[in-house]
Amino acid sequence: MPPSDDAVARMRFEAGRKSVLLAYLIWFFLGYGGVHRMYLGKWGSGLAMLAIFAVSWVLMPILIGWPIFAVILIWWLFDALFIPGMARRADERLIDHLRR
């Protein structure tokens, strides 16, 4: 007897759900580059964070990069507060996708 549609949907959800713990680990080690945002499905802002971070590194030798890096640092710190909500919204998007 094959599994019910509900059981299959539940298995797909469990396989695709986002871990808050993993998101925090990514945030801590790779967060300056926005990788945690990409993991949580926020590709646009994650790529923007990565681009700003790259520009700041290129401009650091002429000291213009430091204020830009400060923006990334502030953004990175605020994201620590937003990760649980971003993970919940990513899981909600997954549920909506599985219902179709």
N, C-alpha and C. Protein backbone atom coordinates (compact mmCIF):
# COMPACT_ATOMS: atom_id res chain seq x y z
N MET A 1 0.85 -1.17 0.00
CA MET A 1 0.00 0.00 0.00
C MET A 1 0.90 1.24 0.00
N PRO A 2 0.71 2.12 -0.99
CA PRO A 2 1.54 3.32 -1.06
C PRO A 2 1.15 4.32 0.04
N PRO A 3 2.08 5.20 0.42
CA PRO A 3 1.75 6.18 1.45
C PRO A 3 0.71 7.18 0.94
N SER A 4 -0.05 7.73 1.86
CA SER A 4 -1.07 8.70 1.49
C SER A 4 -0.42 9.99 1.01
N ASP A 5 -1.22 10.82 0.34
CA ASP A 5 -0.73 12.11 -0.14
C ASP A 5 -0.27 12.99 1.02
N ASP A 6 -0.99 12.91 2.15
CA ASP A 6 -0.60 13.68 3.32
C ASP A 6 0.76 13.23 3.86
N ALA A 7 0.98 11.94 3.87
CA ALA A 7 2.26 11.41 4.36
C ALA A 7 3.41 11.82 3.44
N VAL A 8 3.16 11.81 2.14
CA VAL A 8 4.18 12.21 1.18
C VAL A 8 4.48 13.70 1.34
N ALA A 9 3.44 14.51 1.49
CA ALA A 9 3.63 15.94 1.69
C ALA A 9 4.40 16.22 2.98
N ARG A 10 4.09 15.48 4.01
CA ARG A 10 4.79 15.65 5.30
C ARG A 10 6.27 15.28 5.17
N MET A 11 6.55 14.20 4.44
CA MET A 11 7.95 13.79 4.24
C MET A 11 8.70 14.83 3.42
N ARG A 12 8.05 15.38 2.40
CA ARG A 12 8.69 16.42 1.60
C ARG A 12 8.94 17.68 2.42
N PHE A 13 8.00 18.02 3.29
CA PHE A 13 8.18 19.19 4.15
C PHE A 13 9.35 18.98 5.10
N GLU A 14 9.41 17.82 5.73
CA GLU A 14 10.50 17.54 6.67
C GLU A 14 11.85 17.55 5.97
N ALA A 15 11.88 17.09 4.73
CA ALA A 15 13.14 17.07 3.99
C ALA A 15 13.57 18.47 3.56
N GLY A 16 12.61 19.37 3.35
CA GLY A 16 12.94 20.69 2.84
C GLY A 16 12.88 21.82 3.84
N ARG A 17 12.47 21.53 5.06
CA ARG A 17 12.32 22.60 6.05
C ARG A 17 13.66 23.18 6.43
N LYS A 18 13.65 24.43 6.87
CA LYS A 18 14.88 25.15 7.20
C LYS A 18 15.15 25.05 8.70
N SER A 19 16.38 24.75 9.03
CA SER A 19 16.80 24.63 10.42
C SER A 19 17.28 25.98 10.93
N VAL A 20 16.71 26.42 12.04
CA VAL A 20 17.14 27.68 12.65
C VAL A 20 18.57 27.55 13.16
N LEU A 21 18.91 26.41 13.73
CA LEU A 21 20.26 26.20 14.22
C LEU A 21 21.28 26.29 13.09
N LEU A 22 21.00 25.63 11.98
CA LEU A 22 21.90 25.69 10.84
C LEU A 22 21.98 27.12 10.30
N ALA A 23 20.86 27.81 10.27
CA ALA A 23 20.86 29.20 9.80
C ALA A 23 21.75 30.07 10.69
N TYR A 24 21.70 29.86 12.00
CA TYR A 24 22.56 30.62 12.90
C TYR A 24 24.03 30.26 12.71
N LEU A 25 24.33 29.00 12.47
CA LEU A 25 25.72 28.62 12.21
C LEU A 25 26.23 29.26 10.93
N ILE A 26 25.42 29.24 9.89
CA ILE A 26 25.81 29.89 8.63
C ILE A 26 25.95 31.39 8.86
N TRP A 27 25.02 31.98 9.61
CA TRP A 27 25.08 33.41 9.92
C TRP A 27 26.38 33.75 10.62
N PHE A 28 26.77 32.94 11.58
CA PHE A 28 27.97 33.24 12.36
C PHE A 28 29.24 33.15 11.52
N PHE A 29 29.35 32.10 10.70
CA PHE A 29 30.58 31.88 9.96
C PHE A 29 30.61 32.52 8.57
N LEU A 30 29.48 32.62 7.90
CA LEU A 30 29.44 33.15 6.53
C LEU A 30 28.45 34.29 6.36
N GLY A 31 27.97 34.82 7.46
CA GLY A 31 26.90 35.81 7.41
C GLY A 31 27.26 37.11 6.74
N TYR A 32 28.52 37.51 6.81
CA TYR A 32 28.91 38.77 6.17
C TYR A 32 28.64 38.73 4.67
N GLY A 33 28.70 37.54 4.10
CA GLY A 33 28.44 37.39 2.68
C GLY A 33 27.00 37.11 2.35
N GLY A 34 26.11 37.12 3.33
CA GLY A 34 24.69 36.93 3.08
C GLY A 34 24.29 35.49 2.81
N VAL A 35 25.17 34.54 3.08
CA VAL A 35 24.88 33.13 2.78
C VAL A 35 23.69 32.63 3.59
N HIS A 36 23.54 33.09 4.81
CA HIS A 36 22.40 32.67 5.63
C HIS A 36 21.09 33.12 5.01
N ARG A 37 21.08 34.29 4.39
CA ARG A 37 19.87 34.77 3.73
C ARG A 37 19.54 33.90 2.51
N MET A 38 20.56 33.51 1.77
CA MET A 38 20.34 32.65 0.61
C MET A 38 19.81 31.29 1.07
N TYR A 39 20.36 30.75 2.16
CA TYR A 39 19.87 29.48 2.70
C TYR A 39 18.39 29.57 3.06
N LEU A 40 17.96 30.73 3.56
CA LEU A 40 16.57 30.90 3.98
C LEU A 40 15.66 31.39 2.85
N GLY A 41 16.17 31.37 1.63
CA GLY A 41 15.34 31.69 0.47
C GLY A 41 15.29 33.15 0.10
N LYS A 42 16.06 33.99 0.74
CA LYS A 42 16.09 35.42 0.44
C LYS A 42 17.30 35.70 -0.46
N TRP A 43 17.22 35.22 -1.70
CA TRP A 43 18.34 35.28 -2.61
C TRP A 43 18.70 36.71 -3.00
N GLY A 44 17.71 37.56 -3.22
CA GLY A 44 17.99 38.93 -3.64
C GLY A 44 18.79 39.70 -2.60
N SER A 45 18.31 39.69 -1.37
CA SER A 45 19.02 40.42 -0.32
C SER A 45 20.33 39.73 0.04
N GLY A 46 20.40 38.41 -0.09
CA GLY A 46 21.65 37.70 0.16
C GLY A 46 22.72 38.06 -0.85
N LEU A 47 22.34 38.11 -2.12
CA LEU A 47 23.29 38.52 -3.16
C LEU A 47 23.68 39.98 -3.02
N ALA A 48 22.72 40.83 -2.61
CA ALA A 48 23.04 42.24 -2.37
C ALA A 48 24.05 42.37 -1.23
N MET A 49 23.85 41.61 -0.17
CA MET A 49 24.78 41.64 0.96
C MET A 49 26.16 41.16 0.53
N LEU A 50 26.20 40.12 -0.28
CA LEU A 50 27.47 39.62 -0.80
C LEU A 50 28.17 40.65 -1.67
N ALA A 51 27.42 41.33 -2.52
CA ALA A 51 28.01 42.36 -3.39
C ALA A 51 28.56 43.53 -2.58
N ILE A 52 27.79 43.98 -1.59
CA ILE A 52 28.25 45.09 -0.75
C ILE A 52 29.50 44.68 0.02
N PHE A 53 29.51 43.45 0.51
CA PHE A 53 30.69 42.95 1.23
C PHE A 53 31.91 42.92 0.31
N ALA A 54 31.74 42.45 -0.92
CA ALA A 54 32.85 42.39 -1.87
C ALA A 54 33.36 43.79 -2.20
N VAL A 55 32.45 44.73 -2.41
CA VAL A 55 32.86 46.11 -2.69
C VAL A 55 33.63 46.69 -1.51
N SER A 56 33.16 46.41 -0.31
CA SER A 56 33.86 46.95 0.87
C SER A 56 35.29 46.41 0.96
N TRP A 57 35.48 45.14 0.64
CA TRP A 57 36.83 44.56 0.68
C TRP A 57 37.73 45.17 -0.37
N VAL A 58 37.18 45.42 -1.55
CA VAL A 58 37.98 46.02 -2.62
C VAL A 58 38.40 47.43 -2.25
N LEU A 59 37.52 48.16 -1.57
CA LEU A 59 37.79 49.57 -1.25
C LEU A 59 38.48 49.78 0.09
N MET A 60 38.71 48.74 0.86
CA MET A 60 39.36 48.90 2.17
C MET A 60 40.76 49.50 2.10
N PRO A 61 41.58 49.18 1.10
CA PRO A 61 42.92 49.79 1.08
C PRO A 61 42.91 51.32 0.97
N ILE A 62 41.85 51.88 0.42
CA ILE A 62 41.78 53.35 0.35
C ILE A 62 40.83 53.91 1.40
N LEU A 63 40.52 53.09 2.39
CA LEU A 63 39.75 53.45 3.58
C LEU A 63 38.28 53.75 3.34
N ILE A 64 37.82 53.74 2.12
CA ILE A 64 36.39 53.95 1.85
C ILE A 64 35.60 52.69 2.19
N GLY A 65 36.25 51.55 2.15
CA GLY A 65 35.57 50.29 2.39
C GLY A 65 35.14 50.09 3.83
N TRP A 66 35.81 50.74 4.77
CA TRP A 66 35.47 50.53 6.18
C TRP A 66 34.06 50.99 6.54
N PRO A 67 33.60 52.18 6.11
CA PRO A 67 32.20 52.54 6.40
C PRO A 67 31.19 51.61 5.72
N ILE A 68 31.54 51.14 4.53
CA ILE A 68 30.65 50.20 3.83
C ILE A 68 30.60 48.89 4.61
N PHE A 69 31.75 48.44 5.10
CA PHE A 69 31.81 47.23 5.91
C PHE A 69 31.00 47.40 7.19
N ALA A 70 30.98 48.61 7.75
CA ALA A 70 30.18 48.88 8.96
C ALA A 70 28.69 48.65 8.68
N VAL A 71 28.25 49.01 7.48
CA VAL A 71 26.85 48.77 7.10
C VAL A 71 26.56 47.28 7.11
N ILE A 72 27.47 46.49 6.54
CA ILE A 72 27.30 45.04 6.53
C ILE A 72 27.29 44.49 7.95
N LEU A 73 28.17 45.01 8.80
CA LEU A 73 28.23 44.54 10.18
C LEU A 73 26.92 44.81 10.92
N ILE A 74 26.35 45.98 10.73
CA ILE A 74 25.06 46.32 11.37
C ILE A 74 23.96 45.41 10.82
N TRP A 75 23.93 45.25 9.51
CA TRP A 75 22.94 44.37 8.87
C TRP A 75 23.09 42.95 9.42
N TRP A 76 24.33 42.47 9.54
CA TRP A 76 24.62 41.14 10.05
C TRP A 76 24.10 40.99 11.48
N LEU A 77 24.32 41.99 12.31
CA LEU A 77 23.86 41.93 13.70
C LEU A 77 22.33 41.91 13.79
N PHE A 78 21.67 42.74 13.01
CA PHE A 78 20.20 42.75 13.02
C PHE A 78 19.63 41.43 12.52
N ASP A 79 20.30 40.82 11.57
CA ASP A 79 19.82 39.53 11.06
C ASP A 79 19.76 38.47 12.14
N ALA A 80 20.58 38.58 13.16
CA ALA A 80 20.52 37.61 14.27
C ALA A 80 19.14 37.60 14.90
N LEU A 81 18.48 38.74 14.91
CA LEU A 81 17.13 38.83 15.47
C LEU A 81 16.07 38.31 14.50
N PHE A 82 16.36 38.38 13.21
CA PHE A 82 15.35 38.06 12.19
C PHE A 82 15.40 36.61 11.71
N ILE A 83 16.42 35.87 12.04
CA ILE A 83 16.57 34.51 11.51
C ILE A 83 15.38 33.60 11.85
N PRO A 84 14.88 33.58 13.08
CA PRO A 84 13.72 32.69 13.33
C PRO A 84 12.51 33.03 12.45
N GLY A 85 12.23 34.29 12.25
CA GLY A 85 11.12 34.68 11.40
C GLY A 85 11.36 34.34 9.94
N MET A 86 12.60 34.53 9.48
CA MET A 86 12.92 34.18 8.09
C MET A 86 12.78 32.67 7.87
N ALA A 87 13.20 31.88 8.86
CA ALA A 87 13.07 30.42 8.74
C ALA A 87 11.59 30.02 8.73
N ARG A 88 10.80 30.65 9.57
CA ARG A 88 9.37 30.33 9.61
C ARG A 88 8.71 30.68 8.27
N ARG A 89 9.05 31.85 7.71
CA ARG A 89 8.46 32.23 6.42
C ARG A 89 8.93 31.30 5.30
N ALA A 90 10.17 30.85 5.35
CA ALA A 90 10.66 29.90 4.35
C ALA A 90 9.88 28.59 4.44
N ASP A 91 9.62 28.14 5.67
CA ASP A 91 8.82 26.92 5.84
C ASP A 91 7.39 27.13 5.37
N GLU A 92 6.82 28.30 5.60
CA GLU A 92 5.47 28.59 5.12
C GLU A 92 5.41 28.60 3.60
N ARG A 93 6.45 29.15 2.96
CA ARG A 93 6.50 29.11 1.49
C ARG A 93 6.58 27.67 0.99
N LEU A 94 7.33 26.84 1.70
CA LEU A 94 7.43 25.43 1.33
C LEU A 94 6.07 24.73 1.46
N ILE A 95 5.36 25.02 2.53
CA ILE A 95 4.02 24.44 2.72
C ILE A 95 3.09 24.86 1.59
N ASP A 96 3.11 26.16 1.25
CA ASP A 96 2.28 26.64 0.14
C ASP A 96 2.64 25.94 -1.17
N HIS A 97 3.94 25.74 -1.39
CA HIS A 97 4.37 25.07 -2.61
C HIS A 97 3.91 23.61 -2.63
N LEU A 98 3.95 22.95 -1.49
CA LEU A 98 3.54 21.54 -1.42
C LEU A 98 2.03 21.37 -1.56
N ARG A 99 1.27 22.39 -1.25
CA ARG A 99 -0.20 22.29 -1.36
C ARG A 99 -0.66 22.35 -2.80
N ARG A 100 0.16 22.83 -3.69
CA ARG A 100 -0.25 22.96 -5.10
C ARG A 100 -0.26 21.65 -5.80
